[in-house]
Amino acid sequence: MSGKISSKKYLIDSVILIDHLNGFTKATNWLKKNGALNSAISVVTRAEILVGTSEEERLKITTWLNSFECIIIDKEIADLAAISRNKFRIKLPDAFQVAIALKNNLLLVTRNTKDFNKEMGFVKIPYKI
């Protein structure tokens, strides 16, 4: 996919989806309010979520993930991820999240304050646990 995702506001990081799947009310409430209509996920998030699923859960979770627009990684995002990794000194999967958010003018919604912070200018921390 190339170009900006104009109808979306948020790129949801995997920790938010994992919190929801683990029954954290704050995550569930945020997703109910902002969900798939205002949000997208990346292929990185999709893979991270599916890695943690059992065979029995996979179909249900895959169906749920399919309700979100899923942004793929292209050459431009790969290049921007490399720059972001160096600039913010973060792991490559996190750099891909940054690059996807920046390229698509989305706020990265996460609870991961170790690797991301509001001072980055494109990060939203919707709740704390």
Protein backbone atom coordinates (compact mmCIF):
# COMPACT_ATOMS: atom_id res chain seq x y z
CA MET A 1 0.00 0.00 0.00
CA SER A 2 1.38 3.36 -0.87
CA GLY A 3 0.14 6.81 -0.10
CA LYS A 4 -1.48 8.11 3.03
CA ILE A 5 -4.41 6.55 4.83
CA SER A 6 -6.65 9.62 4.96
CA SER A 7 -9.61 8.29 6.94
CA LYS A 8 -7.63 6.96 9.91
CA LYS A 9 -6.27 8.77 12.96
CA TYR A 10 -4.37 6.07 14.84
CA LEU A 11 -1.86 3.29 14.32
CA ILE A 12 -2.43 0.82 17.13
CA ASP A 13 0.65 -0.80 18.62
CA SER A 14 0.46 -4.47 19.57
CA VAL A 15 0.57 -3.78 23.33
CA ILE A 16 -2.89 -2.16 23.15
CA LEU A 17 -4.37 -5.17 21.37
CA ILE A 18 -2.62 -7.57 23.74
CA ASP A 19 -4.00 -5.65 26.73
CA HIS A 20 -7.50 -6.01 25.26
CA LEU A 21 -7.03 -9.74 24.66
CA ASN A 22 -5.80 -10.10 28.24
CA GLY A 23 -8.96 -8.45 29.56
CA PHE A 24 -7.64 -5.02 30.55
CA THR A 25 -10.73 -2.79 30.66
CA LYS A 26 -8.86 0.40 29.78
CA ALA A 27 -7.64 -1.13 26.51
CA THR A 28 -11.07 -2.54 25.67
CA ASN A 29 -12.75 0.79 26.38
CA TRP A 30 -10.24 2.69 24.23
CA LEU A 31 -10.71 0.23 21.36
CA LYS A 32 -14.51 0.43 21.64
CA LYS A 33 -14.32 4.22 21.43
CA ASN A 34 -11.70 4.45 18.67
CA GLY A 35 -11.64 0.97 17.10
CA ALA A 36 -11.32 -0.05 13.49
CA LEU A 37 -13.14 2.97 12.05
CA ASN A 38 -10.48 5.40 13.28
CA SER A 39 -7.52 3.05 13.50
CA ALA A 40 -5.19 0.87 11.50
CA ILE A 41 -2.61 -1.73 12.44
CA SER A 42 0.67 -2.58 10.77
CA VAL A 43 1.84 -5.93 9.47
CA VAL A 44 4.30 -5.85 12.38
CA THR A 45 1.44 -5.64 14.90
CA ARG A 46 -0.54 -8.32 13.08
CA ALA A 47 2.42 -10.72 13.22
CA GLU A 48 3.16 -9.94 16.88
CA ILE A 49 -0.45 -10.67 17.85
CA LEU A 50 -0.69 -13.89 15.84
CA VAL A 51 2.58 -15.24 17.25
CA GLY A 52 0.96 -15.35 20.68
CA THR A 53 -2.17 -17.27 19.64
CA SER A 54 -3.03 -20.91 20.01
CA GLU A 55 -4.42 -22.93 17.12
CA GLU A 56 -7.91 -22.66 18.68
CA GLU A 57 -7.70 -18.86 19.05
CA ARG A 58 -6.17 -18.11 15.67
CA LEU A 59 -9.35 -18.00 13.56
CA LYS A 60 -11.21 -15.77 16.02
CA ILE A 61 -8.26 -13.40 16.44
CA THR A 62 -7.52 -13.32 12.71
CA THR A 63 -11.14 -12.38 12.03
CA TRP A 64 -10.87 -9.59 14.62
CA LEU A 65 -7.58 -8.33 13.16
CA ASN A 66 -9.20 -8.30 9.71
CA SER A 67 -11.57 -5.59 10.97
CA PHE A 68 -8.61 -3.18 11.01
CA GLU A 69 -6.95 -1.76 7.94
CA CYS A 70 -3.49 -3.34 7.82
CA ILE A 71 -0.63 -1.21 6.52
CA ILE A 72 2.17 -3.03 4.75
CA ILE A 73 5.85 -2.19 4.61
CA ASP A 74 7.13 -0.79 1.33
CA LYS A 75 10.55 0.58 0.32
CA GLU A 76 9.75 4.09 1.56
CA ILE A 77 8.67 2.79 4.97
CA ALA A 78 11.74 0.52 5.15
CA ASP A 79 14.03 3.48 4.47
CA LEU A 80 12.20 5.65 7.00
CA ALA A 81 12.40 2.82 9.56
CA ALA A 82 16.19 2.71 9.19
CA ILE A 83 16.38 6.48 9.77
CA SER A 84 13.96 6.23 12.73
CA ARG A 85 15.93 3.39 14.31
CA ASN A 86 19.08 5.49 14.30
CA LYS A 87 17.34 8.72 15.34
CA PHE A 88 15.36 7.27 18.26
CA ARG A 89 17.69 4.36 19.10
CA ILE A 90 14.86 1.84 19.07
CA LYS A 91 14.50 -1.78 17.94
CA LEU A 92 13.70 -2.38 14.29
CA PRO A 93 10.07 -3.53 14.85
CA ASP A 94 9.45 -0.30 16.78
CA ALA A 95 11.16 1.69 14.05
CA PHE A 96 8.76 0.18 11.51
CA GLN A 97 5.85 1.34 13.69
CA VAL A 98 7.32 4.85 13.79
CA ALA A 99 7.88 4.89 10.02
CA ILE A 100 4.35 3.69 9.26
CA ALA A 101 2.85 6.27 11.63
CA LEU A 102 4.92 9.10 10.19
CA LYS A 103 4.38 8.19 6.53
CA ASN A 104 0.61 7.95 7.05
CA ASN A 105 0.28 10.94 9.41
CA LEU A 106 -1.09 8.73 12.19
CA LEU A 107 -0.68 8.89 15.95
CA LEU A 108 1.03 5.76 17.25
CA VAL A 109 -1.16 4.50 20.09
CA THR A 110 0.86 2.52 22.59
CA ARG A 111 1.42 1.92 26.27
CA ASN A 112 5.11 1.26 25.64
CA THR A 113 6.71 4.27 27.31
CA LYS A 114 10.09 2.52 27.41
CA ASP A 115 10.55 2.81 23.65
CA PHE A 116 8.10 5.61 22.79
CA ASN A 117 7.14 8.87 24.48
CA LYS A 118 4.79 11.78 23.88
CA GLU A 119 7.72 14.09 23.23
CA MET A 120 8.25 12.28 19.92
CA GLY A 121 5.20 14.23 18.72
CA PHE A 122 3.36 11.32 17.08
CA VAL A 123 2.74 9.08 20.11
CA LYS A 124 -0.45 8.77 22.12
CA ILE A 125 -0.44 6.97 25.48
CA PRO A 126 -4.19 6.39 26.07
CA TYR A 127 -3.94 4.79 29.52
CA LYS A 128 -1.58 3.34 32.11
CA ILE A 129 -1.78 0.05 33.95
